[in-house]
Structures are given as C-alpha cells and as structure tokens.
N, C-alpha and C. Protein backbone atom coordinates (compact mmCIF):
# COMPACT_ATOMS: atom_id res chain seq x y z
N CYS A 1 -23.17 -43.82 -6.41
CA CYS A 1 -22.60 -45.05 -5.22
C CYS A 1 -23.79 -45.93 -4.83
N LEU A 2 -24.84 -45.23 -4.72
CA LEU A 2 -25.57 -46.22 -4.24
C LEU A 2 -25.97 -47.40 -5.51
N LYS A 3 -26.01 -46.98 -6.45
CA LYS A 3 -26.29 -47.82 -7.83
C LYS A 3 -25.34 -48.93 -7.68
N PHE A 4 -23.99 -48.62 -7.42
CA PHE A 4 -23.06 -49.56 -7.14
C PHE A 4 -23.14 -50.55 -5.98
N LEU A 5 -23.30 -49.98 -5.19
CA LEU A 5 -23.77 -51.13 -3.87
C LEU A 5 -24.87 -52.13 -4.37
N ARG A 6 -25.97 -51.27 -5.08
CA ARG A 6 -26.83 -52.62 -4.95
C ARG A 6 -26.85 -53.41 -6.42
N LEU A 7 -25.77 -53.62 -6.42
CA LEU A 7 -25.35 -54.59 -7.71
C LEU A 7 -25.89 -55.67 -7.14
N GLN A 8 -26.15 -56.55 -7.92
CA GLN A 8 -26.99 -57.94 -7.17
C GLN A 8 -25.98 -58.73 -7.81
N GLU A 9 -24.70 -58.85 -8.27
CA GLU A 9 -23.76 -59.77 -8.71
C GLU A 9 -23.12 -59.95 -7.65
N ASP A 10 -22.42 -61.23 -7.64
CA ASP A 10 -21.34 -61.77 -6.91
C ASP A 10 -20.26 -60.91 -6.15
N PRO A 11 -20.01 -60.59 -4.80
CA PRO A 11 -19.21 -59.38 -4.61
C PRO A 11 -17.78 -59.70 -5.07
N ARG A 12 -17.23 -61.01 -5.35
CA ARG A 12 -15.78 -60.91 -5.91
C ARG A 12 -15.93 -60.13 -7.31
N ARG A 13 -16.92 -60.40 -8.41
CA ARG A 13 -17.03 -60.46 -9.25
C ARG A 13 -17.01 -58.73 -9.83
N ILE A 14 -17.87 -57.91 -8.79
CA ILE A 14 -17.69 -56.84 -8.55
C ILE A 14 -16.78 -56.24 -8.09
N ALA A 15 -15.55 -56.85 -7.41
CA ALA A 15 -14.50 -56.41 -7.02
C ALA A 15 -13.25 -56.49 -8.36
N TRP A 16 -13.66 -57.55 -8.71
CA TRP A 16 -12.67 -58.06 -9.81
C TRP A 16 -13.33 -57.11 -10.82
N GLY A 17 -14.30 -56.57 -11.03
CA GLY A 17 -14.41 -55.67 -12.39
C GLY A 17 -13.56 -54.12 -12.08
N MET A 18 -13.79 -53.91 -10.74
CA MET A 18 -13.11 -52.53 -10.00
C MET A 18 -11.48 -52.67 -10.27
N ALA A 19 -11.18 -53.61 -10.46
CA ALA A 19 -9.94 -53.92 -10.25
C ALA A 19 -9.26 -53.74 -11.68
N LEU A 20 -10.15 -54.58 -12.58
CA LEU A 20 -10.34 -54.60 -13.73
C LEU A 20 -9.95 -52.79 -14.55
N GLY A 21 -10.85 -52.42 -14.04
CA GLY A 21 -11.07 -51.01 -14.62
C GLY A 21 -10.01 -49.91 -14.13
N VAL A 22 -9.67 -50.08 -13.12
CA VAL A 22 -8.18 -49.53 -12.33
C VAL A 22 -7.23 -49.86 -12.87
N PHE A 23 -6.86 -51.07 -13.15
CA PHE A 23 -5.82 -51.46 -13.62
C PHE A 23 -5.47 -50.75 -15.26
N ILE A 24 -6.66 -50.86 -16.15
CA ILE A 24 -6.77 -50.20 -17.58
C ILE A 24 -6.68 -48.64 -17.42
N ALA A 25 -7.06 -48.27 -16.32
CA ALA A 25 -7.05 -46.70 -16.26
C ALA A 25 -5.44 -46.29 -16.26
N PHE A 26 -4.31 -47.00 -15.60
CA PHE A 26 -3.62 -46.67 -15.11
C PHE A 26 -2.66 -47.22 -16.48
N THR A 27 -3.05 -47.76 -17.13
CA THR A 27 -2.33 -47.85 -18.78
C THR A 27 -2.33 -46.77 -19.30
N PRO A 28 -1.52 -46.01 -20.51
CA PRO A 28 -1.50 -45.40 -21.13
C PRO A 28 -2.54 -45.40 -22.43
N THR A 29 -3.50 -46.03 -22.57
CA THR A 29 -4.45 -46.41 -23.23
C THR A 29 -5.52 -45.31 -23.65
N ILE A 30 -5.43 -44.27 -23.11
CA ILE A 30 -6.79 -43.57 -23.14
C ILE A 30 -7.83 -43.33 -23.96
N PRO A 31 -7.00 -43.58 -25.35
CA PRO A 31 -8.72 -43.43 -26.33
C PRO A 31 -9.10 -44.78 -26.20
N PHE A 32 -8.89 -46.09 -25.50
CA PHE A 32 -9.57 -47.38 -25.74
C PHE A 32 -9.81 -47.89 -24.12
N HIS A 33 -9.86 -46.80 -23.35
CA HIS A 33 -10.21 -47.35 -21.76
C HIS A 33 -11.47 -48.14 -21.50
N MET A 34 -12.47 -47.37 -22.34
CA MET A 34 -13.73 -48.06 -22.26
C MET A 34 -14.04 -49.14 -22.81
N VAL A 35 -13.35 -48.84 -24.25
CA VAL A 35 -13.63 -50.36 -25.09
C VAL A 35 -13.11 -51.48 -24.39
N GLY A 36 -11.94 -51.39 -24.05
CA GLY A 36 -10.87 -52.46 -22.98
C GLY A 36 -11.56 -52.99 -22.27
N ALA A 37 -11.95 -52.11 -20.97
CA ALA A 37 -12.56 -52.41 -20.01
C ALA A 37 -13.95 -53.05 -20.31
N LEU A 38 -14.88 -52.93 -21.02
CA LEU A 38 -15.97 -53.34 -21.26
C LEU A 38 -15.70 -55.03 -22.23
N THR A 39 -14.67 -54.67 -23.08
CA THR A 39 -14.75 -55.70 -23.48
C THR A 39 -13.76 -56.96 -22.93
N LEU A 40 -12.96 -56.58 -21.79
CA LEU A 40 -12.19 -57.49 -21.04
C LEU A 40 -13.08 -57.91 -19.83
N ALA A 41 -13.94 -57.16 -19.51
CA ALA A 41 -14.97 -57.58 -18.53
C ALA A 41 -16.03 -58.42 -18.48
N ALA A 42 -16.89 -58.15 -20.01
CA ALA A 42 -17.42 -59.86 -20.44
C ALA A 42 -16.32 -60.61 -20.71
N LEU A 43 -15.28 -60.47 -21.47
CA LEU A 43 -14.48 -61.65 -21.25
C LEU A 43 -14.03 -62.49 -20.29
N LEU A 44 -13.87 -61.77 -19.42
CA LEU A 44 -13.43 -62.55 -18.20
C LEU A 44 -14.57 -62.64 -16.84
N ARG A 45 -15.83 -62.19 -17.67
CA ARG A 45 -16.85 -62.27 -16.73
C ARG A 45 -17.14 -61.96 -15.41
N VAL A 46 -16.47 -60.49 -15.40
CA VAL A 46 -16.64 -59.60 -13.77
C VAL A 46 -17.57 -58.80 -14.45
N SER A 47 -17.98 -57.73 -13.24
CA SER A 47 -18.70 -56.68 -13.60
C SER A 47 -18.55 -55.61 -14.48
N PRO A 48 -19.21 -55.57 -15.38
CA PRO A 48 -18.66 -54.15 -16.64
C PRO A 48 -18.81 -53.00 -15.82
N VAL A 49 -20.00 -52.98 -14.65
CA VAL A 49 -20.41 -51.49 -14.54
C VAL A 49 -19.31 -51.34 -13.41
N THR A 50 -18.82 -52.12 -12.75
CA THR A 50 -17.44 -51.36 -11.71
C THR A 50 -16.00 -51.45 -12.33
N ALA A 51 -16.07 -51.97 -13.80
CA ALA A 51 -14.77 -51.85 -14.53
C ALA A 51 -14.84 -50.25 -15.12
N PHE A 52 -16.38 -50.11 -15.50
CA PHE A 52 -16.48 -48.72 -16.34
C PHE A 52 -16.11 -47.66 -15.05
N LEU A 53 -16.34 -47.94 -14.15
CA LEU A 53 -16.56 -47.23 -12.59
C LEU A 53 -14.84 -46.94 -12.24
N GLY A 54 -14.34 -48.18 -12.58
CA GLY A 54 -12.97 -48.08 -12.08
C GLY A 54 -12.08 -47.25 -13.43
N ILE A 55 -12.10 -47.24 -14.58
CA ILE A 55 -11.41 -46.39 -15.48
C ILE A 55 -11.65 -44.87 -15.08
N GLN A 56 -12.78 -44.67 -14.19
CA GLN A 56 -13.10 -43.33 -14.12
C GLN A 56 -11.73 -42.03 -13.25
N ILE A 57 -11.05 -43.08 -12.76
CA ILE A 57 -10.36 -42.71 -11.48
C ILE A 57 -9.30 -41.77 -12.75
N CYS A 58 -9.20 -42.50 -13.81
CA CYS A 58 -8.34 -41.37 -15.01
C CYS A 58 -8.67 -40.24 -15.81
N ASN A 59 -8.52 -39.13 -15.19
CA ASN A 59 -9.63 -38.29 -15.80
C ASN A 59 -8.35 -37.20 -16.13
N PRO A 60 -9.02 -35.85 -16.95
CA PRO A 60 -8.13 -35.07 -17.17
C PRO A 60 -7.07 -34.87 -16.29
N LEU A 61 -7.54 -34.51 -15.04
CA LEU A 61 -7.15 -34.07 -13.82
C LEU A 61 -5.87 -34.70 -13.38
N THR A 62 -6.18 -36.25 -13.54
CA THR A 62 -5.15 -37.30 -12.83
C THR A 62 -4.02 -37.64 -14.28
N ILE A 63 -4.64 -37.38 -15.36
CA ILE A 63 -3.93 -38.15 -16.15
C ILE A 63 -2.48 -37.65 -16.66
N PRO A 64 -1.88 -36.35 -16.26
CA PRO A 64 -0.26 -36.01 -16.36
C PRO A 64 0.32 -36.47 -15.17
N ALA A 65 -0.55 -36.68 -14.38
CA ALA A 65 0.32 -37.25 -12.76
C ALA A 65 0.28 -38.73 -13.10
N ILE A 66 -0.43 -39.58 -13.80
CA ILE A 66 -0.19 -40.59 -13.55
C ILE A 66 0.54 -41.10 -15.01
N TYR A 67 0.43 -40.52 -16.00
CA TYR A 67 1.49 -40.78 -17.32
C TYR A 67 2.85 -40.27 -17.40
N LEU A 68 3.18 -39.12 -16.53
CA LEU A 68 4.31 -38.89 -15.91
C LEU A 68 5.16 -40.10 -14.92
N ALA A 69 4.27 -40.30 -14.07
CA ALA A 69 4.68 -41.51 -12.99
C ALA A 69 5.23 -42.96 -13.81
N ALA A 70 4.20 -43.15 -14.96
CA ALA A 70 4.27 -44.59 -15.61
C ALA A 70 5.75 -44.20 -16.50
N TYR A 71 5.70 -43.10 -17.00
CA TYR A 71 7.19 -43.07 -17.81
C TYR A 71 8.45 -42.83 -17.06
N LYS A 72 8.42 -42.26 -16.09
CA LYS A 72 9.65 -42.35 -14.97
C LYS A 72 10.12 -44.02 -15.03
N VAL A 73 8.66 -44.59 -14.55
CA VAL A 73 8.98 -45.77 -13.84
C VAL A 73 9.90 -46.94 -15.18
N GLY A 74 8.87 -46.38 -16.20
CA GLY A 74 9.54 -47.49 -17.41
C GLY A 74 10.77 -46.75 -17.85
N GLN A 75 10.85 -45.84 -17.99
CA GLN A 75 12.28 -45.30 -18.15
C GLN A 75 13.35 -45.85 -17.22
N PHE A 76 13.41 -46.00 -16.17
CA PHE A 76 14.01 -46.22 -15.03
C PHE A 76 14.27 -48.12 -15.40
N LEU A 77 12.93 -48.66 -15.50
CA LEU A 77 13.10 -50.21 -15.61
C LEU A 77 14.01 -50.42 -16.65
N LEU A 78 13.77 -49.66 -17.96
CA LEU A 78 14.14 -50.20 -19.40
C LEU A 78 15.65 -49.59 -19.84
N TYR A 79 15.60 -48.35 -19.55
CA TYR A 79 16.71 -47.57 -19.87
C TYR A 79 17.62 -47.29 -18.68
N ARG A 80 17.64 -47.66 -17.60
CA ARG A 80 18.39 -47.39 -16.18
C ARG A 80 18.08 -45.63 -15.77
N GLY A 81 17.21 -45.49 -16.44
CA GLY A 81 17.17 -43.79 -15.77
C GLY A 81 17.62 -42.88 -16.73
N LYS A 82 18.46 -43.49 -17.83
CA LYS A 82 18.82 -42.31 -18.94
C LYS A 82 17.49 -41.58 -19.74
N PRO A 83 17.73 -40.55 -19.97
CA PRO A 83 16.94 -39.88 -20.45
C PRO A 83 16.77 -39.82 -22.00
N LEU A 84 15.61 -39.87 -22.79
CA LEU A 84 15.46 -39.81 -24.28
C LEU A 84 16.71 -38.92 -24.52
N VAL A 85 17.29 -39.08 -25.57
CA VAL A 85 17.94 -38.34 -26.30
C VAL A 85 17.68 -37.81 -27.91
N PHE A 86 16.84 -36.71 -27.58
CA PHE A 86 16.44 -36.33 -29.27
C PHE A 86 17.29 -36.23 -30.28
N PRO A 87 17.16 -36.24 -31.49
CA PRO A 87 18.00 -36.56 -32.53
C PRO A 87 18.26 -34.74 -32.99
N GLU A 88 19.65 -34.69 -33.13
CA GLU A 88 20.13 -33.57 -33.17
C GLU A 88 19.67 -32.78 -34.82
N THR A 89 19.44 -33.57 -35.28
CA THR A 89 18.95 -33.35 -36.68
C THR A 89 17.81 -34.02 -37.31
N PHE A 90 16.86 -33.76 -38.28
CA PHE A 90 15.61 -34.08 -38.47
C PHE A 90 15.79 -35.38 -39.55
N SER A 91 15.22 -36.58 -38.57
CA SER A 91 15.10 -37.65 -39.64
C SER A 91 14.23 -38.38 -39.08
N VAL A 92 13.46 -38.88 -39.85
CA VAL A 92 11.95 -39.87 -39.66
C VAL A 92 12.52 -40.74 -38.66
N GLU A 93 13.46 -41.62 -39.63
CA GLU A 93 13.49 -43.06 -38.67
C GLU A 93 14.35 -42.58 -37.19
N ALA A 94 15.04 -41.45 -36.81
CA ALA A 94 15.31 -41.17 -35.78
C ALA A 94 14.56 -40.85 -34.72
N TRP A 95 13.57 -39.77 -35.04
CA TRP A 95 12.06 -39.34 -34.38
C TRP A 95 11.33 -40.48 -33.89
N LEU A 96 11.01 -41.75 -35.05
CA LEU A 96 10.13 -42.96 -34.64
C LEU A 96 11.00 -43.66 -33.66
N ASN A 97 12.16 -44.03 -33.92
CA ASN A 97 13.28 -44.47 -32.67
C ASN A 97 12.35 -43.95 -31.05
N VAL A 98 13.05 -42.74 -31.41
CA VAL A 98 12.74 -41.93 -29.55
C VAL A 98 11.10 -41.93 -29.46
N LEU A 99 10.18 -42.07 -30.31
CA LEU A 99 8.84 -41.94 -30.11
C LEU A 99 8.64 -43.52 -29.49
N TRP A 100 9.47 -44.34 -30.11
CA TRP A 100 9.22 -45.75 -29.80
C TRP A 100 9.49 -46.03 -28.25
N GLN A 101 10.82 -45.46 -28.06
CA GLN A 101 11.44 -45.99 -27.08
C GLN A 101 10.50 -45.29 -25.86
N GLY A 102 10.02 -44.14 -25.92
CA GLY A 102 9.31 -43.47 -25.14
C GLY A 102 7.88 -43.83 -25.30
N GLY A 103 7.40 -44.49 -25.98
CA GLY A 103 6.05 -45.21 -25.69
C GLY A 103 6.03 -46.61 -25.16
N VAL A 104 7.30 -47.25 -25.09
CA VAL A 104 7.54 -48.64 -24.69
C VAL A 104 7.86 -48.14 -23.15
N ALA A 105 8.74 -47.29 -23.02
CA ALA A 105 8.76 -47.01 -21.34
C ALA A 105 7.41 -46.36 -20.62
N LEU A 106 6.81 -45.93 -21.72
CA LEU A 106 5.24 -45.37 -21.12
C LEU A 106 4.35 -46.65 -20.82
N GLN A 107 4.28 -47.59 -21.83
CA GLN A 107 3.37 -48.90 -21.51
C GLN A 107 3.86 -49.33 -20.36
N VAL A 108 5.19 -49.74 -20.40
CA VAL A 108 5.93 -50.57 -19.56
C VAL A 108 5.72 -50.11 -17.61
N GLY A 109 5.91 -48.85 -17.79
CA GLY A 109 5.45 -48.28 -16.58
C GLY A 109 4.07 -48.44 -16.12
N GLY A 110 3.14 -48.08 -16.96
CA GLY A 110 1.98 -47.79 -16.62
C GLY A 110 1.62 -49.54 -16.00
N VAL A 111 2.02 -50.07 -16.61
CA VAL A 111 1.61 -51.99 -16.36
C VAL A 111 2.48 -52.11 -14.95
N VAL A 112 3.34 -51.46 -14.80
CA VAL A 112 4.00 -51.86 -13.39
C VAL A 112 2.67 -50.91 -12.18
N LEU A 113 2.80 -49.51 -12.71
CA LEU A 113 2.36 -48.74 -11.70
C LEU A 113 0.62 -49.28 -11.43
N ALA A 114 0.26 -49.89 -12.47
CA ALA A 114 -1.26 -50.57 -12.29
C ALA A 114 -1.72 -51.71 -11.32
N ILE A 115 -0.52 -52.24 -11.10
CA ILE A 115 -0.52 -53.68 -10.29
C ILE A 115 -1.33 -53.36 -8.89
N PRO A 116 -0.36 -52.31 -8.07
CA PRO A 116 -0.60 -52.08 -6.64
C PRO A 116 -2.18 -51.61 -6.37
N PRO A 117 -2.38 -50.21 -7.22
CA PRO A 117 -3.94 -50.03 -6.94
C PRO A 117 -4.42 -50.81 -7.53
N ALA A 118 -4.78 -51.56 -8.60
CA ALA A 118 -5.82 -52.74 -8.60
C ALA A 118 -6.21 -53.59 -7.51
N ILE A 119 -4.99 -53.82 -6.94
CA ILE A 119 -5.12 -54.80 -5.97
C ILE A 119 -5.56 -54.22 -5.11
N VAL A 120 -5.34 -52.83 -4.46
CA VAL A 120 -6.13 -52.50 -3.37
C VAL A 120 -7.29 -52.03 -3.92
N ALA A 121 -7.48 -52.08 -4.90
CA ALA A 121 -9.18 -51.59 -5.72
C ALA A 121 -10.20 -53.06 -5.35
N TYR A 122 -9.48 -54.04 -5.47
CA TYR A 122 -10.36 -55.28 -5.11
C TYR A 122 -10.23 -55.39 -3.94
N PHE A 123 -9.50 -55.21 -3.10
CA PHE A 123 -10.02 -55.46 -1.64
C PHE A 123 -11.15 -54.78 -1.12
N VAL A 124 -10.58 -53.60 -1.02
CA VAL A 124 -11.41 -52.03 -0.58
C VAL A 124 -12.73 -52.55 -1.31
N THR A 125 -13.10 -52.97 -2.59
CA THR A 125 -14.43 -53.17 -3.14
C THR A 125 -14.72 -54.18 -2.49
N LEU A 126 -14.13 -55.29 -2.60
CA LEU A 126 -14.85 -56.61 -1.83
C LEU A 126 -15.49 -56.39 -0.28
N TRP A 127 -14.65 -55.54 0.26
CA TRP A 127 -14.99 -55.03 1.76
C TRP A 127 -16.42 -54.27 1.97
N ILE A 128 -15.98 -53.21 0.91
CA ILE A 128 -17.27 -52.04 0.50
C ILE A 128 -18.87 -53.05 0.43
N VAL A 129 -18.77 -53.91 -0.63
CA VAL A 129 -19.92 -54.91 -1.07
C VAL A 129 -20.54 -55.55 0.14
N GLN A 130 -19.13 -56.41 0.69
CA GLN A 130 -20.05 -57.18 1.73
C GLN A 130 -20.03 -56.79 3.10
N ARG A 131 -19.60 -55.65 3.36
CA ARG A 131 -20.17 -54.49 4.44
C ARG A 131 -21.63 -54.32 4.05
N TYR A 132 -21.96 -53.64 2.95
CA TYR A 132 -23.31 -53.20 2.59
C TYR A 132 -24.00 -54.11 2.97
N ARG A 133 -23.83 -55.36 2.09
CA ARG A 133 -25.02 -56.84 2.21
C ARG A 133 -25.08 -57.06 3.71
N ARG A 134 -24.08 -56.94 4.15
CA ARG A 134 -24.50 -57.46 5.93
C ARG A 134 -25.19 -56.76 6.44
N ARG A 135 -25.06 -55.24 6.61
CA ARG A 135 -25.95 -54.28 7.36
C ARG A 135 -27.14 -54.06 7.01
N LYS A 136 -27.25 -54.58 5.04
CA LYS A 136 -29.01 -54.68 4.59
C LYS A 136 -29.70 -55.83 5.33
N THR A 137 -28.60 -57.01 5.38
CA THR A 137 -29.27 -58.12 6.00
C THR A 137 -29.95 -58.18 7.33
N ALA A 138 -28.98 -57.52 8.07
CA ALA A 138 -29.33 -57.20 9.31
C ALA A 138 -30.32 -56.56 9.78
N LYS A 139 -30.64 -55.11 8.91
CA LYS A 139 -31.71 -54.70 8.70
C LYS A 139 -32.94 -55.04 8.75
N ALA A 140 -33.03 -55.97 7.51
CA ALA A 140 -34.15 -56.43 6.89
C ALA A 140 -34.34 -57.47 7.94
N LEU A 141 -33.50 -58.40 8.64
CA LEU A 141 -33.90 -59.41 10.27
C LEU A 141 -34.31 -58.62 11.00
N SER A 142 -34.26 -57.22 11.28
CA SER A 142 -34.55 -56.31 12.50
C SER A 142 -35.91 -55.99 11.86
N VAL A 143 -36.01 -55.62 10.91
CA VAL A 143 -37.71 -55.35 10.31
C VAL A 143 -38.50 -56.55 10.54
N LEU A 144 -37.78 -57.53 10.10
CA LEU A 144 -38.76 -58.72 9.96
C LEU A 144 -39.27 -59.43 11.77
N ALA A 145 -38.04 -59.44 12.77
CA ALA A 145 -38.35 -59.73 13.82
C ALA A 145 -39.43 -58.78 14.39
N LEU A 146 -39.46 -57.73 13.91
CA LEU A 146 -40.18 -56.53 14.90
C LEU A 146 -41.85 -56.64 13.95
N SER A 147 -42.24 -57.06 13.06
CA SER A 147 -42.84 -57.44 12.32
C SER A 147 -43.83 -58.70 13.14
N GLN A 148 -42.98 -59.80 13.34
CA GLN A 148 -43.42 -60.85 13.72
C GLN A 148 -43.73 -60.74 15.59
N ASN A 149 -42.83 -60.15 16.29
CA ASN A 149 -43.37 -59.88 17.60
C ASN A 149 -43.42 -58.15 17.69
N PRO A 150 -44.67 -57.55 17.56
CA PRO A 150 -44.85 -56.24 17.86
C PRO A 150 -44.85 -55.80 19.30
N PRO A 151 -44.05 -54.92 19.69
CA PRO A 151 -43.61 -54.10 20.99
C PRO A 151 -44.97 -54.19 21.69
N ALA A 152 -45.13 -54.77 22.69
CA ALA A 152 -46.22 -54.60 23.71
C ALA A 152 -46.69 -53.37 23.76
N ALA A 153 -48.09 -53.21 24.09
CA ALA A 153 -48.49 -52.01 24.09
C ALA A 153 -48.58 -51.18 25.67
N SER A 154 -48.41 -49.89 25.90
CA SER A 154 -47.65 -49.43 27.21
C SER A 154 -48.61 -48.27 27.09
N GLY A 155 -48.71 -47.52 28.39
CA GLY A 155 -49.58 -46.52 28.36
C GLY A 155 -50.85 -46.84 29.07
N PRO A 156 -51.62 -45.51 29.05
CA PRO A 156 -53.12 -45.97 29.21
C PRO A 156 -54.17 -46.45 28.98
N GLU A 157 -53.54 -46.88 27.65
CA GLU A 157 -54.62 -47.91 26.37
C GLU A 157 -54.60 -49.23 27.04
N ALA A 158 -53.35 -49.32 28.07
CA ALA A 158 -52.84 -50.95 27.89
C ALA A 158 -53.52 -51.65 29.28
C-alpha cells in the first residue's frame, strides 16, 4: 500500500491505471487480465502498477459473484432475461450455439458491470493520491520551517 502511495507519476495517470485494472477485472477474460492490463497501460500511458493492482479485485473469492452477475446482466440485455435452453439431443452445432450465446452474454454483462466500479476506482484513487501528497508536502514544509526557526530555549539554561 505504501509503495502505491509513493508512486511518482501524475496522480491522474495513477488513477487511470487503477480504473483500467478494475475495468479489466470485471470482464470475463481471466487468463488475459494481467497481459491485457499491462499492455493497455503501456498503450494508454497510464500507471502499469496501479493497473496491476486494479485487476487483483478479481480473485478466486470474487470471480463466481462477478461472473454470475455479468452473465445475468448480459442475459437480460441480450435475451430479455430468457434462460439459455440446452439442446435435448447432442449436436456439436447446438452446443456451440449455447456456448456462444452464454459467452456473449457474459462478455456484454461484464463490460456493462465494469463501468461503474472503474469510474469509482478512478476518483477514489485520485483522491487518495492527492491527499497523501498534500499531507506529505505539509509535513515537509513544517519540518523545513522548524529547521530554519528552531524553538527558543527555555528552562534554567536559558
């Protein structure tokens, strides 16, 4: 956490990196989260460190909930909430169609669900970084002021 706060990049680049990572974490592309986040961070010139941190919200504990919600949202948007119908007889074409429909619903729902948390992540990260830097600057200024104007001696030796 302290390393994150000590990043020397522009606060907006740090915040955009976090937003990118959070956005990618909500998309059902788990084997490509890290590659996608680091590649897009380089292309978009945002912080790769915070993009990496952002994808960490998608982990074995959160994946089931995120993916179920993404599927439900995609299913609602694309198919009016009608559940996928599994074929009664085995047919490669029929099963590929079911997998395609389910995959598309998962992707669309993931992108839709990713937008609000990415926006929140941007503003929260920006606020945290700016607040930390203001406090750090204020502390440095107070130390500098004390070193230039040491307190007057008091007590019996004065």
